[in-house]
Amino acid sequence: MLRWRKSSYTNAGNDPQCVELACPDDERRAVRDSKHRAGPELTFPAAAFRAFLADARK
């Protein structure tokens, strides 16, 4: 079972409108819509997700 987490910037974690992140293993990162937890998950290579976050922070 994956351990999902949300950003602390989402009203102390109580805002339902955000994405959640899980780390299935060292090589992958998974994201899902917090409003549709039973919905699809998108999985990315960990290195690609780190690059995405670095670009998003610019």
C-alpha atoms as a PDB file:
ATOM      1  CA  MET A   1       0.000   0.000   0.000  1.00  0.00           C
ATOM      2  CA  LEU A   2       1.323   3.436  -0.928  1.00  0.00           C
ATOM      3  CA  ARG A   3       1.736   6.183   1.639  1.00  0.00           C
ATOM      4  CA  TRP A   4       0.275   9.346   0.074  1.00  0.00           C
ATOM      5  CA  ARG A   5       1.089  12.867   1.263  1.00  0.00           C
ATOM      6  CA  LYS A   6       0.097  16.424   0.401  1.00  0.00           C
ATOM      7  CA  SER A   7       1.993  19.680   0.516  1.00  0.00           C
ATOM      8  CA  SER A   8       1.921  21.527   3.829  1.00  0.00           C
ATOM      9  CA  TYR A   9       0.975  24.619   1.810  1.00  0.00           C
ATOM     10  CA  THR A  10      -2.568  23.297   1.265  1.00  0.00           C
ATOM     11  CA  ASN A  11      -4.213  24.847   4.346  1.00  0.00           C
ATOM     12  CA  ALA A  12      -2.279  22.647   6.749  1.00  0.00           C
ATOM     13  CA  GLY A  13      -3.161  19.614   4.657  1.00  0.00           C
ATOM     14  CA  ASN A  14      -6.947  20.144   4.868  1.00  0.00           C
ATOM     15  CA  ASP A  15      -7.482  21.562   1.368  1.00  0.00           C
ATOM     16  CA  PRO A  16      -9.028  18.828  -0.780  1.00  0.00           C
ATOM     17  CA  GLN A  17      -7.993  20.522  -4.046  1.00  0.00           C
ATOM     18  CA  CYS A  18      -4.438  19.460  -4.615  1.00  0.00           C
ATOM     19  CA  VAL A  19      -2.361  16.544  -5.776  1.00  0.00           C
ATOM     20  CA  GLU A  20      -0.912  13.874  -3.553  1.00  0.00           C
ATOM     21  CA  LEU A  21       2.497  12.261  -3.942  1.00  0.00           C
ATOM     22  CA  ALA A  22       3.669   8.747  -3.144  1.00  0.00           C
ATOM     23  CA  CYS A  23       7.018   7.017  -3.582  1.00  0.00           C
ATOM     24  CA  PRO A  24       6.375   3.393  -4.594  1.00  0.00           C
ATOM     25  CA  ASP A  25      10.134   2.762  -4.634  1.00  0.00           C
ATOM     26  CA  ASP A  26      13.432   4.594  -5.162  1.00  0.00           C
ATOM     27  CA  GLU A  27      12.934   4.721  -8.930  1.00  0.00           C
ATOM     28  CA  ARG A  28       9.339   6.013  -9.264  1.00  0.00           C
ATOM     29  CA  ARG A  29       7.036   8.782  -8.041  1.00  0.00           C
ATOM     30  CA  ALA A  30       3.249   8.607  -8.228  1.00  0.00           C
ATOM     31  CA  VAL A  31       0.745  11.482  -8.174  1.00  0.00           C
ATOM     32  CA  ARG A  32      -3.046  11.531  -7.933  1.00  0.00           C
ATOM     33  CA  ASP A  33      -5.897  14.002  -7.530  1.00  0.00           C
ATOM     34  CA  SER A  34      -6.774  14.338  -3.846  1.00  0.00           C
ATOM     35  CA  LYS A  35     -10.471  14.748  -4.728  1.00  0.00           C
ATOM     36  CA  HIS A  36     -10.534  11.418  -6.606  1.00  0.00           C
ATOM     37  CA  ARG A  37      -8.393   9.090  -4.533  1.00  0.00           C
ATOM     38  CA  ALA A  38      -9.838   6.009  -6.198  1.00  0.00           C
ATOM     39  CA  GLY A  39      -9.094   7.495  -9.618  1.00  0.00           C
ATOM     40  CA  PRO A  40      -6.024   7.023 -11.779  1.00  0.00           C
ATOM     41  CA  GLU A  41      -2.466   7.533 -10.593  1.00  0.00           C
ATOM     42  CA  LEU A  42       0.273   8.938 -12.796  1.00  0.00           C
ATOM     43  CA  THR A  43       3.689   7.378 -12.291  1.00  0.00           C
ATOM     44  CA  PHE A  44       6.949   9.021 -13.345  1.00  0.00           C
ATOM     45  CA  PRO A  45      10.623   8.087 -13.133  1.00  0.00           C
ATOM     46  CA  ALA A  46      12.051   9.685  -9.971  1.00  0.00           C
ATOM     47  CA  ALA A  47      14.714  11.621 -11.909  1.00  0.00           C
ATOM     48  CA  ALA A  48      12.113  13.081 -14.278  1.00  0.00           C
ATOM     49  CA  PHE A  49       9.908  14.105 -11.346  1.00  0.00           C
ATOM     50  CA  ARG A  50      12.861  15.818  -9.627  1.00  0.00           C
ATOM     51  CA  ALA A  51      13.572  17.729 -12.858  1.00  0.00           C
ATOM     52  CA  PHE A  52       9.895  18.749 -13.079  1.00  0.00           C
ATOM     53  CA  LEU A  53       9.956  20.080  -9.502  1.00  0.00           C
ATOM     54  CA  ALA A  54      13.193  21.978 -10.113  1.00  0.00           C
ATOM     55  CA  ASP A  55      11.686  23.682 -13.172  1.00  0.00           C
ATOM     56  CA  ALA A  56       8.402  24.389 -11.356  1.00  0.00           C
ATOM     57  CA  ARG A  57      10.271  26.163  -8.546  1.00  0.00           C
ATOM     58  CA  LYS A  58      11.921  28.622 -10.958  1.00  0.00           C
END
